[in-house]
Amino acid sequence: MSNKVLLSNFDIIDICKYLQLDLIAVVNKDKLSDHKSKDGAYAINLQDSTEGGGTHWVMLYLYDGQALYYDSFGEEPPSDVKHFARTYYDFVTSHDHIQDIADYSCGYYVIAMIYFCKFNKTKISLEDIMIKFNAPFNLDYPKKNVKILQHFFKKFISN
C-alpha cells in the first residue's frame, strides 16, 4: 500500500474482486446516472469523466434503505451522488477529515470502508459503521492516519 500513488479504477476493481467485496461500480460522479441504484458499494471518482483521469475517490454504500457517503476528506457529497441515492431514506455522511491533503490513499480508504461495511452491515447501522471505522483515526493530525490505514489492511485484510 502506497500513499504516494493514486489507485486507478482498475486497481480498485481488482482489489475488491480479490477481497470478494460487494462492489457494484467504479465510476466518475457524472456517470452515476448511467447506473440503477442497488444495494452494494460504489467507488466514485469526484472528477467528471470529461475532465480527465480523476483526483479523489469516495464511496457510496447502499444497504436496506440506508446510504452511507464516505469521503476521507470529510466533504459533503456532490449533487450527483445525492440524486443517485435519493430513494434511500437514511443518508449518512462522514464529516471527519482523516486523510492528509498531501497523500493519495483515498482509494485505500474507500476499499477499507467497503470491507468494513460488508462485514458489519447486518450487525449495526451504516451510521454506526462509519463512526466505528473512523474511531481509530487522528482527526487533529491526519498525517498519522496512513499508518493506521496500513495497520487496518494488515490486520483485517491480509488474513
N, C-alpha and C. Protein backbone atom coordinates (compact mmCIF):
# COMPACT_ATOMS: atom_id res chain seq x y z
N MET A 1 0.84 -1.18 0.00
CA MET A 1 0.00 0.00 0.00
C MET A 1 0.88 1.24 0.00
N SER A 2 0.67 2.12 -0.97
CA SER A 2 1.44 3.34 -1.07
C SER A 2 0.53 4.55 -0.97
N ASN A 3 0.95 5.53 -0.18
CA ASN A 3 0.17 6.77 -0.10
C ASN A 3 0.72 7.81 -1.07
N LYS A 4 1.59 7.39 -1.99
CA LYS A 4 2.20 8.30 -2.97
C LYS A 4 1.60 8.13 -4.36
N VAL A 5 0.80 7.07 -4.57
CA VAL A 5 0.24 6.79 -5.88
C VAL A 5 -1.27 6.61 -5.75
N LEU A 6 -2.01 7.35 -6.58
CA LEU A 6 -3.47 7.24 -6.60
C LEU A 6 -3.87 5.93 -7.25
N LEU A 7 -4.75 5.17 -6.61
CA LEU A 7 -5.24 3.95 -7.21
C LEU A 7 -6.09 4.27 -8.44
N SER A 8 -5.97 3.44 -9.46
CA SER A 8 -6.81 3.59 -10.65
C SER A 8 -8.14 2.86 -10.43
N ASN A 9 -9.06 3.07 -11.35
CA ASN A 9 -10.32 2.33 -11.28
C ASN A 9 -10.06 0.83 -11.39
N PHE A 10 -9.09 0.43 -12.22
CA PHE A 10 -8.76 -1.00 -12.37
C PHE A 10 -8.17 -1.57 -11.08
N ASP A 11 -7.35 -0.77 -10.39
CA ASP A 11 -6.78 -1.21 -9.11
C ASP A 11 -7.90 -1.48 -8.10
N ILE A 12 -8.85 -0.56 -8.00
CA ILE A 12 -9.94 -0.71 -7.05
C ILE A 12 -10.78 -1.93 -7.39
N ILE A 13 -11.09 -2.11 -8.67
CA ILE A 13 -11.86 -3.29 -9.10
C ILE A 13 -11.11 -4.57 -8.75
N ASP A 14 -9.83 -4.64 -9.07
CA ASP A 14 -9.04 -5.84 -8.81
C ASP A 14 -8.93 -6.16 -7.33
N ILE A 15 -8.68 -5.16 -6.51
CA ILE A 15 -8.55 -5.38 -5.06
C ILE A 15 -9.89 -5.82 -4.47
N CYS A 16 -10.97 -5.16 -4.86
CA CYS A 16 -12.29 -5.53 -4.35
C CYS A 16 -12.68 -6.93 -4.80
N LYS A 17 -12.34 -7.28 -6.01
CA LYS A 17 -12.63 -8.63 -6.50
C LYS A 17 -11.84 -9.66 -5.70
N TYR A 18 -10.56 -9.39 -5.47
CA TYR A 18 -9.71 -10.29 -4.70
C TYR A 18 -10.26 -10.49 -3.29
N LEU A 19 -10.77 -9.39 -2.70
CA LEU A 19 -11.31 -9.45 -1.33
C LEU A 19 -12.78 -9.90 -1.29
N GLN A 20 -13.36 -10.15 -2.46
CA GLN A 20 -14.75 -10.58 -2.58
C GLN A 20 -15.71 -9.59 -1.94
N LEU A 21 -15.49 -8.32 -2.24
CA LEU A 21 -16.34 -7.26 -1.72
C LEU A 21 -17.50 -7.01 -2.67
N ASP A 22 -18.58 -6.47 -2.15
CA ASP A 22 -19.79 -6.25 -2.94
C ASP A 22 -19.75 -4.91 -3.68
N LEU A 23 -18.76 -4.79 -4.55
CA LEU A 23 -18.58 -3.59 -5.36
C LEU A 23 -19.52 -3.66 -6.57
N ILE A 24 -20.37 -2.67 -6.71
CA ILE A 24 -21.31 -2.61 -7.82
C ILE A 24 -20.67 -1.91 -9.02
N ALA A 25 -20.02 -0.77 -8.77
CA ALA A 25 -19.44 0.00 -9.87
C ALA A 25 -18.31 0.89 -9.37
N VAL A 26 -17.39 1.17 -10.27
CA VAL A 26 -16.35 2.18 -10.08
C VAL A 26 -16.60 3.20 -11.18
N VAL A 27 -16.93 4.41 -10.80
CA VAL A 27 -17.49 5.34 -11.76
C VAL A 27 -17.15 6.80 -11.42
N ASN A 28 -17.07 7.64 -12.44
CA ASN A 28 -16.97 9.08 -12.20
C ASN A 28 -18.33 9.59 -11.77
N LYS A 29 -18.34 10.63 -10.95
CA LYS A 29 -19.61 11.11 -10.37
C LYS A 29 -20.65 11.46 -11.43
N ASP A 30 -20.23 12.00 -12.57
CA ASP A 30 -21.19 12.39 -13.59
C ASP A 30 -21.75 11.19 -14.37
N LYS A 31 -21.19 10.00 -14.14
CA LYS A 31 -21.67 8.79 -14.82
C LYS A 31 -22.52 7.90 -13.90
N LEU A 32 -22.74 8.34 -12.68
CA LEU A 32 -23.61 7.57 -11.77
C LEU A 32 -24.99 7.38 -12.37
N SER A 33 -25.47 8.38 -13.06
CA SER A 33 -26.82 8.32 -13.63
C SER A 33 -26.95 7.23 -14.70
N ASP A 34 -25.83 6.70 -15.17
CA ASP A 34 -25.88 5.58 -16.12
C ASP A 34 -26.20 4.25 -15.44
N HIS A 35 -26.21 4.25 -14.11
CA HIS A 35 -26.44 3.04 -13.33
C HIS A 35 -27.76 3.13 -12.58
N LYS A 36 -28.31 1.98 -12.28
CA LYS A 36 -29.50 1.91 -11.43
C LYS A 36 -29.02 1.66 -10.01
N SER A 37 -29.50 2.44 -9.06
CA SER A 37 -29.04 2.26 -7.68
C SER A 37 -29.55 0.94 -7.13
N LYS A 38 -28.64 0.19 -6.53
CA LYS A 38 -29.00 -1.05 -5.85
C LYS A 38 -28.01 -1.26 -4.71
N ASP A 39 -28.39 -2.10 -3.77
CA ASP A 39 -27.56 -2.32 -2.59
C ASP A 39 -26.16 -2.80 -2.97
N GLY A 40 -25.18 -2.22 -2.30
CA GLY A 40 -23.78 -2.56 -2.53
C GLY A 40 -22.94 -1.30 -2.54
N ALA A 41 -21.68 -1.46 -2.95
CA ALA A 41 -20.71 -0.36 -2.88
C ALA A 41 -20.44 0.24 -4.25
N TYR A 42 -20.24 1.55 -4.23
CA TYR A 42 -19.86 2.31 -5.41
C TYR A 42 -18.62 3.11 -5.06
N ALA A 43 -17.55 2.90 -5.80
CA ALA A 43 -16.36 3.74 -5.66
C ALA A 43 -16.52 4.84 -6.70
N ILE A 44 -16.49 6.07 -6.25
CA ILE A 44 -16.81 7.20 -7.11
C ILE A 44 -15.63 8.15 -7.19
N ASN A 45 -15.24 8.48 -8.42
CA ASN A 45 -14.22 9.50 -8.61
C ASN A 45 -14.92 10.83 -8.72
N LEU A 46 -14.45 11.81 -7.96
CA LEU A 46 -15.13 13.09 -7.90
C LEU A 46 -14.90 13.98 -9.11
N GLN A 47 -14.01 13.58 -9.99
CA GLN A 47 -13.81 14.36 -11.20
C GLN A 47 -14.76 13.87 -12.29
N ASP A 48 -15.34 14.80 -13.02
CA ASP A 48 -16.21 14.41 -14.13
C ASP A 48 -15.41 13.66 -15.18
N SER A 49 -16.05 12.76 -15.88
CA SER A 49 -15.37 11.91 -16.87
C SER A 49 -14.78 12.72 -18.02
N THR A 50 -15.30 13.89 -18.28
CA THR A 50 -14.80 14.72 -19.38
C THR A 50 -13.58 15.54 -18.98
N GLU A 51 -13.22 15.49 -17.70
CA GLU A 51 -12.13 16.34 -17.20
C GLU A 51 -10.82 15.60 -16.98
N GLY A 52 -10.77 14.29 -17.24
CA GLY A 52 -9.51 13.58 -17.06
C GLY A 52 -9.66 12.33 -16.24
N GLY A 53 -8.51 11.85 -15.76
CA GLY A 53 -8.45 10.57 -15.08
C GLY A 53 -8.93 10.56 -13.65
N GLY A 54 -9.07 11.70 -13.03
CA GLY A 54 -9.59 11.74 -11.68
C GLY A 54 -8.55 12.06 -10.64
N THR A 55 -9.01 12.59 -9.54
CA THR A 55 -8.10 13.05 -8.49
C THR A 55 -8.45 12.56 -7.09
N HIS A 56 -9.68 12.12 -6.86
CA HIS A 56 -10.07 11.74 -5.49
C HIS A 56 -11.20 10.73 -5.53
N TRP A 57 -11.02 9.63 -4.78
CA TRP A 57 -12.03 8.57 -4.66
C TRP A 57 -12.84 8.72 -3.39
N VAL A 58 -14.15 8.51 -3.50
CA VAL A 58 -15.06 8.45 -2.36
C VAL A 58 -15.89 7.18 -2.50
N MET A 59 -16.71 6.91 -1.50
CA MET A 59 -17.51 5.69 -1.54
C MET A 59 -18.96 6.00 -1.21
N LEU A 60 -19.85 5.30 -1.88
CA LEU A 60 -21.26 5.30 -1.53
C LEU A 60 -21.64 3.85 -1.30
N TYR A 61 -22.20 3.58 -0.12
CA TYR A 61 -22.63 2.22 0.21
C TYR A 61 -24.12 2.26 0.45
N LEU A 62 -24.85 1.44 -0.28
CA LEU A 62 -26.30 1.36 -0.16
C LEU A 62 -26.68 0.01 0.42
N TYR A 63 -27.55 0.05 1.44
CA TYR A 63 -27.98 -1.21 2.06
C TYR A 63 -29.28 -1.00 2.82
N ASP A 64 -30.27 -1.78 2.47
CA ASP A 64 -31.51 -1.87 3.23
C ASP A 64 -32.12 -0.49 3.54
N GLY A 65 -32.21 0.36 2.53
CA GLY A 65 -32.81 1.68 2.70
C GLY A 65 -31.87 2.74 3.25
N GLN A 66 -30.65 2.37 3.58
CA GLN A 66 -29.67 3.30 4.11
C GLN A 66 -28.61 3.60 3.04
N ALA A 67 -28.08 4.82 3.08
CA ALA A 67 -26.98 5.21 2.20
C ALA A 67 -25.88 5.84 3.04
N LEU A 68 -24.66 5.38 2.85
CA LEU A 68 -23.51 5.94 3.55
C LEU A 68 -22.57 6.52 2.51
N TYR A 69 -22.34 7.83 2.60
CA TYR A 69 -21.37 8.50 1.74
C TYR A 69 -20.10 8.70 2.55
N TYR A 70 -19.00 8.22 2.02
CA TYR A 70 -17.74 8.29 2.77
C TYR A 70 -16.67 8.99 1.94
N ASP A 71 -16.20 10.11 2.44
CA ASP A 71 -15.11 10.88 1.84
C ASP A 71 -14.05 11.04 2.92
N SER A 72 -12.85 10.56 2.66
CA SER A 72 -11.78 10.62 3.66
C SER A 72 -11.34 12.05 3.96
N PHE A 73 -11.77 13.01 3.14
CA PHE A 73 -11.54 14.43 3.44
C PHE A 73 -12.71 15.04 4.22
N GLY A 74 -13.78 14.29 4.41
CA GLY A 74 -14.91 14.75 5.20
C GLY A 74 -15.79 15.77 4.50
N GLU A 75 -15.74 15.82 3.19
CA GLU A 75 -16.53 16.79 2.44
C GLU A 75 -17.95 16.27 2.18
N GLU A 76 -18.84 17.19 1.91
CA GLU A 76 -20.22 16.87 1.58
C GLU A 76 -20.30 16.16 0.23
N PRO A 77 -21.29 15.30 0.03
CA PRO A 77 -21.43 14.64 -1.27
C PRO A 77 -21.89 15.62 -2.35
N PRO A 78 -21.41 15.43 -3.57
CA PRO A 78 -21.88 16.26 -4.66
C PRO A 78 -23.34 15.93 -5.01
N SER A 79 -23.99 16.82 -5.71
CA SER A 79 -25.40 16.63 -6.04
C SER A 79 -25.64 15.36 -6.86
N ASP A 80 -24.68 14.98 -7.71
CA ASP A 80 -24.83 13.74 -8.49
C ASP A 80 -25.03 12.53 -7.57
N VAL A 81 -24.29 12.49 -6.49
CA VAL A 81 -24.36 11.37 -5.55
C VAL A 81 -25.67 11.42 -4.77
N LYS A 82 -26.02 12.59 -4.29
CA LYS A 82 -27.29 12.73 -3.56
C LYS A 82 -28.47 12.31 -4.43
N HIS A 83 -28.45 12.74 -5.67
CA HIS A 83 -29.55 12.39 -6.58
C HIS A 83 -29.60 10.87 -6.82
N PHE A 84 -28.44 10.27 -7.00
CA PHE A 84 -28.37 8.83 -7.25
C PHE A 84 -28.97 8.03 -6.10
N ALA A 85 -28.74 8.47 -4.87
CA ALA A 85 -29.19 7.73 -3.68
C ALA A 85 -30.52 8.28 -3.13
N ARG A 86 -31.24 9.03 -3.92
CA ARG A 86 -32.45 9.71 -3.44
C ARG A 86 -33.53 8.76 -2.93
N THR A 87 -33.56 7.52 -3.37
CA THR A 87 -34.60 6.60 -2.92
C THR A 87 -34.26 5.93 -1.59
N TYR A 88 -33.07 6.16 -1.09
CA TYR A 88 -32.66 5.61 0.21
C TYR A 88 -33.00 6.63 1.29
N TYR A 89 -33.84 6.22 2.24
CA TYR A 89 -34.43 7.15 3.21
C TYR A 89 -33.44 7.68 4.25
N ASP A 90 -32.40 6.94 4.53
CA ASP A 90 -31.45 7.33 5.58
C ASP A 90 -30.10 7.58 4.93
N PHE A 91 -29.73 8.85 4.72
CA PHE A 91 -28.49 9.22 4.05
C PHE A 91 -27.51 9.76 5.08
N VAL A 92 -26.40 9.03 5.27
CA VAL A 92 -25.41 9.38 6.28
C VAL A 92 -24.12 9.81 5.59
N THR A 93 -23.50 10.85 6.13
CA THR A 93 -22.26 11.38 5.57
C THR A 93 -21.22 11.51 6.66
N SER A 94 -20.00 11.12 6.35
CA SER A 94 -18.89 11.31 7.27
C SER A 94 -18.33 12.72 7.09
N HIS A 95 -18.18 13.43 8.20
CA HIS A 95 -17.61 14.77 8.15
C HIS A 95 -16.20 14.82 8.72
N ASP A 96 -15.65 13.65 9.04
CA ASP A 96 -14.31 13.59 9.62
C ASP A 96 -13.25 13.65 8.52
N HIS A 97 -12.32 14.58 8.69
CA HIS A 97 -11.20 14.73 7.76
C HIS A 97 -10.06 13.85 8.28
N ILE A 98 -9.93 12.65 7.70
CA ILE A 98 -8.92 11.72 8.20
C ILE A 98 -7.74 11.54 7.26
N GLN A 99 -7.87 11.93 6.02
CA GLN A 99 -6.77 11.77 5.06
C GLN A 99 -5.97 13.07 4.96
N ASP A 100 -4.66 12.95 5.04
CA ASP A 100 -3.80 14.12 4.86
C ASP A 100 -3.93 14.62 3.42
N ILE A 101 -3.97 15.91 3.27
CA ILE A 101 -4.17 16.52 1.95
C ILE A 101 -3.03 16.17 0.98
N ALA A 102 -1.86 15.83 1.50
CA ALA A 102 -0.70 15.56 0.64
C ALA A 102 -0.55 14.07 0.29
N ASP A 103 -1.42 13.22 0.78
CA ASP A 103 -1.27 11.80 0.41
C ASP A 103 -2.38 11.36 -0.53
N TYR A 104 -2.15 10.25 -1.19
CA TYR A 104 -3.04 9.76 -2.25
C TYR A 104 -3.73 8.46 -1.88
N SER A 105 -3.99 8.25 -0.62
CA SER A 105 -4.53 6.97 -0.16
C SER A 105 -6.05 6.90 -0.17
N CYS A 106 -6.73 7.82 -0.82
CA CYS A 106 -8.19 7.84 -0.80
C CYS A 106 -8.80 6.53 -1.31
N GLY A 107 -8.21 5.93 -2.33
CA GLY A 107 -8.71 4.65 -2.84
C GLY A 107 -8.63 3.55 -1.81
N TYR A 108 -7.57 3.59 -1.00
CA TYR A 108 -7.43 2.59 0.06
C TYR A 108 -8.45 2.82 1.18
N TYR A 109 -8.73 4.08 1.50
CA TYR A 109 -9.79 4.36 2.48
C TYR A 109 -11.13 3.83 1.97
N VAL A 110 -11.39 4.02 0.68
CA VAL A 110 -12.63 3.53 0.07
C VAL A 110 -12.73 2.01 0.20
N ILE A 111 -11.66 1.30 -0.15
CA ILE A 111 -11.67 -0.17 -0.08
C ILE A 111 -11.84 -0.63 1.37
N ALA A 112 -11.14 0.02 2.29
CA ALA A 112 -11.25 -0.36 3.70
C ALA A 112 -12.67 -0.14 4.21
N MET A 113 -13.30 0.96 3.79
CA MET A 113 -14.67 1.22 4.24
C MET A 113 -15.66 0.23 3.61
N ILE A 114 -15.45 -0.13 2.35
CA ILE A 114 -16.31 -1.15 1.73
C ILE A 114 -16.18 -2.47 2.50
N TYR A 115 -14.97 -2.84 2.83
CA TYR A 115 -14.72 -4.05 3.61
C TYR A 115 -15.45 -3.98 4.95
N PHE A 116 -15.30 -2.85 5.61
CA PHE A 116 -15.91 -2.65 6.93
C PHE A 116 -17.43 -2.73 6.84
N CYS A 117 -18.00 -2.14 5.80
CA CYS A 117 -19.46 -2.20 5.60
C CYS A 117 -19.91 -3.63 5.36
N LYS A 118 -19.21 -4.33 4.49
CA LYS A 118 -19.62 -5.69 4.14
C LYS A 118 -19.72 -6.58 5.37
N PHE A 119 -18.76 -6.47 6.27
CA PHE A 119 -18.71 -7.38 7.40
C PHE A 119 -19.42 -6.87 8.66
N ASN A 120 -20.02 -5.69 8.59
CA ASN A 120 -20.74 -5.15 9.74
C ASN A 120 -22.17 -4.73 9.44
N LYS A 121 -22.58 -4.72 8.18
CA LYS A 121 -23.88 -4.16 7.80
C LYS A 121 -25.08 -4.88 8.42
N THR A 122 -24.96 -6.14 8.73
CA THR A 122 -26.09 -6.85 9.33
C THR A 122 -26.09 -6.75 10.86
N LYS A 123 -25.03 -6.16 11.42
CA LYS A 123 -24.91 -6.07 12.88
C LYS A 123 -25.29 -4.69 13.40
N ILE A 124 -24.89 -3.65 12.69
CA ILE A 124 -25.15 -2.27 13.14
C ILE A 124 -25.52 -1.41 11.94
N SER A 125 -26.05 -0.23 12.21
CA SER A 125 -26.47 0.67 11.13
C SER A 125 -25.25 1.20 10.37
N LEU A 126 -25.47 1.70 9.17
CA LEU A 126 -24.37 2.27 8.40
C LEU A 126 -23.76 3.48 9.12
N GLU A 127 -24.58 4.24 9.82
CA GLU A 127 -24.04 5.37 10.59
C GLU A 127 -23.09 4.87 11.68
N ASP A 128 -23.47 3.81 12.38
CA ASP A 128 -22.60 3.25 13.42
C ASP A 128 -21.34 2.64 12.81
N ILE A 129 -21.46 2.07 11.62
CA ILE A 129 -20.28 1.54 10.93
C ILE A 129 -19.29 2.68 10.66
N MET A 130 -19.79 3.80 10.17
CA MET A 130 -18.93 4.94 9.88
C MET A 130 -18.23 5.44 11.16
N ILE A 131 -18.99 5.56 12.22
CA ILE A 131 -18.42 6.02 13.49
C ILE A 131 -17.35 5.06 13.98
N LYS A 132 -17.66 3.77 13.92
CA LYS A 132 -16.70 2.75 14.37
C LYS A 132 -15.45 2.73 13.49
N PHE A 133 -15.63 2.86 12.18
CA PHE A 133 -14.49 2.87 11.26
C PHE A 133 -13.59 4.08 11.52
N ASN A 134 -14.17 5.25 11.73
CA ASN A 134 -13.39 6.47 11.92
C ASN A 134 -12.74 6.57 13.29
N ALA A 135 -13.21 5.82 14.26
CA ALA A 135 -12.77 5.96 15.65
C ALA A 135 -11.25 5.91 15.85
N PRO A 136 -10.52 5.00 15.20
CA PRO A 136 -9.07 4.95 15.47
C PRO A 136 -8.25 6.07 14.83
N PHE A 137 -8.85 6.83 13.93
CA PHE A 137 -8.08 7.83 13.21
C PHE A 137 -7.91 9.11 14.00
N ASN A 138 -6.79 9.79 13.77
CA ASN A 138 -6.44 11.02 14.46
C ASN A 138 -6.97 12.21 13.67
N LEU A 139 -7.99 12.86 14.18
CA LEU A 139 -8.60 13.99 13.47
C LEU A 139 -7.76 15.26 13.58
N ASP A 140 -6.90 15.32 14.58
CA ASP A 140 -6.06 16.51 14.77
C ASP A 140 -4.78 16.47 13.94
N TYR A 141 -4.36 15.29 13.56
CA TYR A 141 -3.10 15.16 12.81
C TYR A 141 -3.25 14.07 11.75
N PRO A 142 -3.92 14.38 10.63
CA PRO A 142 -4.20 13.38 9.60
C PRO A 142 -2.97 12.68 9.01
N LYS A 143 -1.80 13.28 9.10
CA LYS A 143 -0.59 12.63 8.55
C LYS A 143 -0.35 11.27 9.20
N LYS A 144 -0.78 11.11 10.44
CA LYS A 144 -0.58 9.85 11.15
C LYS A 144 -1.53 8.74 10.67
N ASN A 145 -2.58 9.12 10.00
CA ASN A 145 -3.64 8.16 9.69
C ASN A 145 -3.28 7.14 8.63
N VAL A 146 -2.32 7.44 7.77
CA VAL A 146 -1.92 6.44 6.76
C VAL A 146 -1.34 5.20 7.45
N LYS A 147 -0.66 5.39 8.56
CA LYS A 147 -0.12 4.24 9.32
C LYS A 147 -1.26 3.42 9.92
N ILE A 148 -2.30 4.08 10.39
CA ILE A 148 -3.46 3.38 10.93
C ILE A 148 -4.16 2.61 9.81
N LEU A 149 -4.26 3.22 8.65
CA LEU A 149 -4.87 2.56 7.49
C LEU A 149 -4.05 1.34 7.08
N GLN A 150 -2.73 1.47 7.06
CA GLN A 150 -1.86 0.34 6.73
C GLN A 150 -2.05 -0.79 7.75
N HIS A 151 -2.18 -0.44 9.00
CA HIS A 151 -2.42 -1.44 10.05
C HIS A 151 -3.76 -2.16 9.81
N PHE A 152 -4.78 -1.39 9.41
CA PHE A 152 -6.08 -1.98 9.10
C PHE A 152 -5.93 -3.04 8.01
N PHE A 153 -5.21 -2.71 6.95
CA PHE A 153 -5.03 -3.66 5.85
C PHE A 153 -4.27 -4.89 6.31
N LYS A 154 -3.27 -4.71 7.14
CA LYS A 154 -2.51 -5.86 7.64
C LYS A 154 -3.37 -6.73 8.56
N LYS A 155 -4.13 -6.10 9.44
CA LYS A 155 -4.90 -6.83 10.44
C LYS A 155 -6.13 -7.52 9.86
N PHE A 156 -6.92 -6.79 9.11
CA PHE A 156 -8.21 -7.32 8.66
C PHE A 156 -8.18 -7.93 7.28
N ILE A 157 -7.40 -7.38 6.39
CA ILE A 157 -7.49 -7.78 5.01
C ILE A 157 -6.43 -8.79 4.61
N SER A 158 -5.32 -8.79 5.29
CA SER A 158 -4.25 -9.72 4.91
C SER A 158 -4.43 -11.12 5.47
N ASN A 159 -5.47 -11.33 6.28
CA ASN A 159 -5.69 -12.66 6.88
C ASN A 159 -6.17 -13.66 5.86
